[in-house]
Amino acid sequence: MKHIVKILALVVAITVLWIGLLQTSVISHSYIWLLPIYFVVSLGCYGLLMVGVGLMNFPTCPQEALLLQKDIVEAKEYLKQKGVDLTLD
């Protein structure tokens, strides 16, 4: 929910800035009409950055890793009992 609020606040701020620039004619109109495209590209970059940061900070779960290894060993033993060959060639 926090990210939605951040993004909406950013959208509102950029929209207000864009409308303000249109009203005051500080920047020529040919450049002002490109601002929404720059905004969409920046929002995409921000999204990719947030995904990257989320992946870098992904929590590791050592206890779950041990349980997974235990499950793998049990599955291998079960398959060996059923006659399935698990060797890799």
Protein backbone atom coordinates (compact mmCIF):
# COMPACT_ATOMS: atom_id res chain seq x y z
CA MET A 1 0.00 0.00 0.00
CA LYS A 2 2.88 2.36 0.70
CA HIS A 3 4.23 2.04 -2.84
CA ILE A 4 0.83 2.91 -4.31
CA VAL A 5 0.71 6.09 -2.24
CA LYS A 6 4.26 6.99 -3.31
CA ILE A 7 3.49 6.42 -6.98
CA LEU A 8 0.21 8.33 -6.83
CA ALA A 9 1.90 11.24 -5.07
CA LEU A 10 4.59 11.21 -7.75
CA VAL A 11 1.96 11.16 -10.52
CA VAL A 12 0.09 14.07 -8.93
CA ALA A 13 3.28 16.08 -8.45
CA ILE A 14 4.41 15.53 -12.04
CA THR A 15 0.93 16.35 -13.36
CA VAL A 16 0.85 19.59 -11.39
CA LEU A 17 4.33 20.46 -12.62
CA TRP A 18 3.37 19.67 -16.20
CA ILE A 19 0.18 21.76 -16.05
CA GLY A 20 2.14 24.58 -14.43
CA LEU A 21 4.70 24.48 -17.23
CA LEU A 22 1.91 24.52 -19.81
CA GLN A 23 0.30 27.53 -18.13
CA THR A 24 3.44 29.63 -17.68
CA SER A 25 5.12 28.77 -21.01
CA VAL A 26 8.56 28.68 -19.35
CA ILE A 27 9.58 25.82 -21.61
CA SER A 28 8.64 25.72 -25.29
CA HIS A 29 5.54 23.68 -26.14
CA SER A 30 7.48 21.22 -28.28
CA TYR A 31 9.40 20.06 -25.19
CA ILE A 32 6.45 20.16 -22.80
CA TRP A 33 4.51 17.62 -24.85
CA LEU A 34 7.41 15.18 -24.45
CA LEU A 35 7.25 15.32 -20.65
CA PRO A 36 4.58 12.58 -20.33
CA ILE A 37 6.79 10.26 -22.36
CA TYR A 38 9.74 11.03 -20.12
CA PHE A 39 7.50 10.45 -17.11
CA VAL A 40 6.40 7.01 -18.34
CA VAL A 41 10.00 6.03 -19.06
CA SER A 42 11.09 7.29 -15.61
CA LEU A 43 8.25 5.40 -13.95
CA GLY A 44 9.35 2.23 -15.76
CA CYS A 45 12.93 2.76 -14.60
CA TYR A 46 11.71 3.33 -11.06
CA GLY A 47 9.71 0.10 -11.22
CA LEU A 48 12.73 -1.85 -12.44
CA LEU A 49 14.84 -0.30 -9.71
CA MET A 50 12.31 -1.31 -7.04
CA VAL A 51 12.21 -4.88 -8.39
CA GLY A 52 16.02 -5.01 -8.32
CA VAL A 53 16.18 -3.68 -4.78
CA GLY A 54 13.51 -6.16 -3.72
CA LEU A 55 15.52 -9.02 -5.21
CA MET A 56 18.72 -7.86 -3.55
CA ASN A 57 17.00 -7.65 -0.16
CA PHE A 58 15.10 -10.93 -0.60
CA PRO A 59 15.14 -12.62 2.80
CA THR A 60 16.95 -15.91 3.09
CA CYS A 61 15.35 -18.60 5.19
CA PRO A 62 17.99 -21.05 6.44
CA GLN A 63 15.48 -23.14 8.38
CA GLU A 64 13.25 -23.52 5.33
CA ALA A 65 16.31 -24.46 3.25
CA LEU A 66 17.11 -27.27 5.71
CA LEU A 67 13.51 -28.51 5.57
CA LEU A 68 13.62 -28.44 1.78
CA GLN A 69 16.86 -30.45 1.75
CA LYS A 70 15.27 -32.97 4.11
CA ASP A 71 12.23 -33.25 1.82
CA ILE A 72 14.52 -33.80 -1.18
CA VAL A 73 16.34 -36.65 0.60
CA GLU A 74 13.02 -38.24 1.58
CA ALA A 75 11.73 -37.96 -1.99
CA LYS A 76 14.90 -39.56 -3.37
CA GLU A 77 14.60 -42.44 -0.91
CA TYR A 78 10.94 -42.91 -1.82
CA LEU A 79 11.72 -42.96 -5.53
CA LYS A 80 14.58 -45.45 -5.00
CA GLN A 81 12.16 -47.72 -3.16
CA LYS A 82 9.82 -47.53 -6.15
CA GLY A 83 12.67 -48.50 -8.51
CA VAL A 84 13.28 -45.11 -10.15
CA ASP A 85 16.89 -44.52 -11.22
CA LEU A 86 18.03 -41.04 -10.06
CA THR A 87 21.59 -41.08 -11.39
CA LEU A 88 22.59 -38.38 -13.84
CA ASP A 89 24.64 -39.45 -16.86
